[in-house]
C-alpha cells in the first residue's frame, strides 16, 4: 500500500524532473527568454537573453525587469 509520504515523494520527483527538462530547454534555446512573475521580477533569464541584452542571468534573476533592461523597445 502506497503511503501519503510515498505519493508526495513521487510528486516531488515528477516536479523536479519537469523543472530540469524545462531548464535544459531554456538554456539551449538560441532565442532570448526572460520569464517574469506578476510583479515584473525576473524568474528566469537564459544565456541567449544575456547575450542579446548584455547582462548575466546571475545579475538579472530576482531583480525587476525595469532595473535590468533599459532598452525601451524591449520593455514595450
Protein backbone atom coordinates (compact mmCIF):
# COMPACT_ATOMS: atom_id res chain seq x y z
CA UNK A 1 0.00 0.00 0.00
CA UNK A 2 1.37 3.37 -1.06
CA UNK A 3 1.58 5.86 1.79
CA UNK A 4 0.99 9.60 1.63
CA UNK A 5 4.73 10.04 2.08
CA UNK A 6 5.40 7.83 -0.97
CA UNK A 7 2.88 9.80 -3.01
CA UNK A 8 4.45 13.11 -2.03
CA UNK A 9 7.92 11.84 -2.86
CA UNK A 10 6.71 10.70 -6.29
CA UNK A 11 5.06 14.06 -6.96
CA UNK A 12 8.20 15.90 -5.87
CA UNK A 13 10.31 13.70 -8.15
CA UNK A 14 7.95 14.41 -11.09
CA UNK A 15 8.04 18.17 -10.48
CA UNK A 16 11.84 18.16 -10.18
CA UNK A 17 12.18 16.16 -13.41
CA UNK A 18 9.88 18.57 -15.26
CA UNK A 19 11.80 21.57 -13.92
CA UNK A 20 15.11 20.10 -15.05
CA UNK A 21 13.70 19.44 -18.52
CA UNK A 22 12.35 22.99 -18.73
CA UNK A 23 15.67 24.45 -17.58
CA UNK A 24 17.56 22.41 -20.19
CA UNK A 25 15.19 23.59 -22.91
CA UNK A 26 15.54 27.27 -21.96
CA UNK A 27 19.32 27.03 -21.66
CA UNK A 28 19.68 25.50 -25.13
CA UNK A 29 17.43 27.98 -26.97
CA UNK A 30 19.05 30.48 -29.33
CA UNK A 31 16.15 32.87 -28.68
CA UNK A 32 16.37 35.08 -25.63
CA UNK A 33 13.89 34.06 -22.95
CA UNK A 34 13.05 36.17 -19.92
CA UNK A 35 10.34 34.89 -17.58
CA UNK A 36 8.70 37.32 -15.15
CA UNK A 37 6.37 37.00 -12.20
CA UNK A 38 3.27 39.16 -11.74
CA UNK A 39 5.41 41.93 -10.16
CA UNK A 40 7.76 42.09 -13.17
CA UNK A 41 10.55 40.38 -11.24
CA UNK A 42 12.82 38.17 -13.34
CA UNK A 43 12.39 34.48 -12.58
CA UNK A 44 14.39 33.04 -15.48
CA UNK A 45 16.90 34.55 -17.86
CA UNK A 46 18.59 32.28 -20.38
CA UNK A 47 22.11 32.75 -21.80
CA UNK A 48 20.77 33.95 -25.18
CA UNK A 49 18.86 36.74 -23.42
CA UNK A 50 22.04 37.66 -21.62
CA UNK A 51 23.98 37.92 -24.87
CA UNK A 52 21.26 39.98 -26.52
CA UNK A 53 20.80 42.34 -23.60
CA UNK A 54 24.36 42.45 -22.30
CA UNK A 55 23.72 41.20 -18.76
CA UNK A 56 24.18 37.88 -17.00
CA UNK A 57 21.50 35.68 -15.50
CA UNK A 58 23.27 35.96 -12.15
CA UNK A 59 22.78 39.72 -12.26
CA UNK A 60 19.22 39.64 -13.65
CA UNK A 61 17.39 36.91 -11.72
CA UNK A 62 15.48 38.30 -8.75
CA UNK A 63 15.56 41.89 -9.99
CA UNK A 64 12.85 43.97 -11.59
CA UNK A 65 12.83 43.87 -15.39
CA UNK A 66 12.85 47.67 -15.28
CA UNK A 67 16.13 47.68 -13.32
CA UNK A 68 17.82 45.24 -15.67
CA UNK A 69 16.65 46.17 -19.15
CA UNK A 70 16.93 49.77 -20.26
CA UNK A 71 16.02 49.31 -23.94
CA UNK A 72 12.58 50.85 -24.42
CA UNK A 73 11.69 48.65 -27.40
CA UNK A 74 12.36 45.53 -25.34
CA UNK A 75 10.32 46.77 -22.39
CA UNK A 76 7.41 47.67 -24.66
